Amino acid sequence: MNDQSLPNESTQSGINLPQLVEAVVQAVTKVGESRDLDTALAIRDEIRRLPDELVTEILNQLILRLIFIDPSLCRWFVLDGFLHGADLDAKADVAERINVLMTDLQSQQN
């Protein structure tokens, strides 16, 4: 086996993506208990400090994980927290994506 990690395990900068996504999921789940917007914005700001490609991947993974854990928490964090201050079109696009995932999830459970 070579010394390079699998792409899904770590990034070129050495960040362990699954571990990072899990930490973000745990942080968002914790803040979701109180729906503390200031803490949600702090989490968002920390995520945005990462390179753009990681921000996108983390957000995608976060949505996929949270949609199974708590769909309303997913919507709240992503739309009200992560996209706080974003234009309405961007929010609408992401909301539609979350709605599609929720519909898919519900149809799989039936």
Protein backbone atom coordinates (compact mmCIF):
# COMPACT_ATOMS: atom_id res chain seq x y z
CA MET A 1 0.00 0.00 0.00
CA ASN A 2 1.36 3.46 -0.81
CA ASP A 3 1.73 6.35 1.63
CA GLN A 4 -1.03 8.46 0.11
CA SER A 5 -4.40 8.49 1.84
CA LEU A 6 -7.57 7.71 0.00
CA PRO A 7 -9.23 10.89 -1.31
CA ASN A 8 -12.16 10.48 1.06
CA GLU A 9 -9.93 10.16 4.10
CA SER A 10 -7.85 13.29 3.92
CA THR A 11 -7.27 16.27 1.71
CA GLN A 12 -4.08 17.46 0.08
CA SER A 13 -3.58 19.79 3.02
CA GLY A 14 -3.69 16.81 5.39
CA ILE A 15 -7.14 17.51 6.82
CA ASN A 16 -9.06 14.38 7.75
CA LEU A 17 -12.38 15.17 6.07
CA PRO A 18 -14.59 12.53 7.75
CA GLN A 19 -13.26 13.56 11.16
CA LEU A 20 -13.84 17.24 10.39
CA VAL A 21 -17.37 16.61 9.11
CA GLU A 22 -18.15 14.60 12.24
CA ALA A 23 -16.89 17.44 14.46
CA VAL A 24 -19.04 19.94 12.57
CA VAL A 25 -22.10 17.67 12.79
CA GLN A 26 -21.60 17.36 16.55
CA ALA A 27 -21.16 21.13 16.96
CA VAL A 28 -24.27 21.90 14.90
CA THR A 29 -26.30 19.27 16.75
CA LYS A 30 -25.26 20.82 20.06
CA VAL A 31 -26.10 24.38 18.94
CA GLY A 32 -29.36 23.08 17.52
CA GLU A 33 -30.59 22.35 21.03
CA SER A 34 -30.77 26.08 21.76
CA ARG A 35 -30.93 27.43 18.18
CA ASP A 36 -28.31 29.99 19.24
CA LEU A 37 -27.73 31.97 16.05
CA ASP A 38 -24.53 33.59 17.31
CA THR A 39 -22.95 30.19 17.90
CA ALA A 40 -24.20 28.95 14.52
CA LEU A 41 -22.56 31.97 12.88
CA ALA A 42 -19.32 31.22 14.74
CA ILE A 43 -19.38 27.66 13.38
CA ARG A 44 -20.04 29.04 9.90
CA ASP A 45 -17.13 31.45 10.21
CA GLU A 46 -14.78 28.65 11.23
CA ILE A 47 -15.89 26.51 8.27
CA ARG A 48 -15.39 29.44 5.89
CA ARG A 49 -11.77 29.80 7.02
CA LEU A 50 -11.05 26.57 5.13
CA PRO A 51 -10.23 26.45 1.40
CA ASP A 52 -13.32 26.87 -0.81
CA GLU A 53 -13.33 23.25 -2.05
CA LEU A 54 -13.37 22.03 1.56
CA VAL A 55 -16.16 24.42 2.52
CA THR A 56 -18.30 23.04 -0.29
CA GLU A 57 -17.53 19.42 0.59
CA ILE A 58 -18.15 19.95 4.31
CA LEU A 59 -21.43 21.74 3.64
CA ASN A 60 -22.56 18.94 1.31
CA GLN A 61 -21.64 16.25 3.83
CA LEU A 62 -23.22 18.24 6.65
CA ILE A 63 -26.50 18.52 4.77
CA LEU A 64 -26.48 14.79 3.99
CA ARG A 65 -25.80 13.87 7.62
CA LEU A 66 -28.17 16.36 9.24
CA ILE A 67 -31.07 15.55 6.94
CA PHE A 68 -31.12 12.06 8.50
CA ILE A 69 -30.58 13.29 12.08
CA ASP A 70 -32.98 16.23 12.16
CA PRO A 71 -34.33 17.80 8.97
CA SER A 72 -35.52 20.95 10.73
CA LEU A 73 -32.08 21.43 12.31
CA CYS A 74 -30.54 20.98 8.86
CA ARG A 75 -32.76 23.66 7.38
CA TRP A 76 -32.17 26.02 10.31
CA PHE A 77 -28.40 25.73 10.37
CA VAL A 78 -27.87 25.83 6.62
CA LEU A 79 -30.41 28.52 5.73
CA ASP A 80 -30.43 30.71 8.83
CA GLY A 81 -26.89 30.08 10.04
CA PHE A 82 -24.55 29.16 7.23
CA LEU A 83 -26.29 31.27 4.60
CA HIS A 84 -27.01 34.14 7.00
CA GLY A 85 -26.79 37.31 4.96
CA ALA A 86 -26.75 35.47 1.62
CA ASP A 87 -28.99 36.66 -1.19
CA LEU A 88 -32.48 35.21 -1.39
CA ASP A 89 -31.80 33.33 -4.64
CA ALA A 90 -28.92 31.42 -3.06
CA LYS A 91 -31.05 30.56 -0.06
CA ALA A 92 -33.92 29.46 -2.31
CA ASP A 93 -31.62 27.18 -4.32
CA VAL A 94 -30.26 25.51 -1.21
CA ALA A 95 -33.73 25.26 0.37
CA GLU A 96 -34.97 23.50 -2.76
CA ARG A 97 -32.05 21.06 -2.60
CA ILE A 98 -32.83 20.30 1.05
CA ASN A 99 -36.53 19.83 0.17
CA VAL A 100 -35.60 17.32 -2.54
CA LEU A 101 -33.39 15.39 -0.12
CA MET A 102 -36.18 15.39 2.48
CA THR A 103 -38.69 14.12 -0.08
CA ASP A 104 -36.27 11.40 -1.18
CA LEU A 105 -35.70 10.38 2.42
CA GLN A 106 -39.42 10.22 3.15
CA SER A 107 -40.11 8.15 0.02
CA GLN A 108 -37.38 5.68 1.02
CA GLN A 109 -38.92 5.26 4.47
CA ASN A 110 -42.38 4.44 3.09
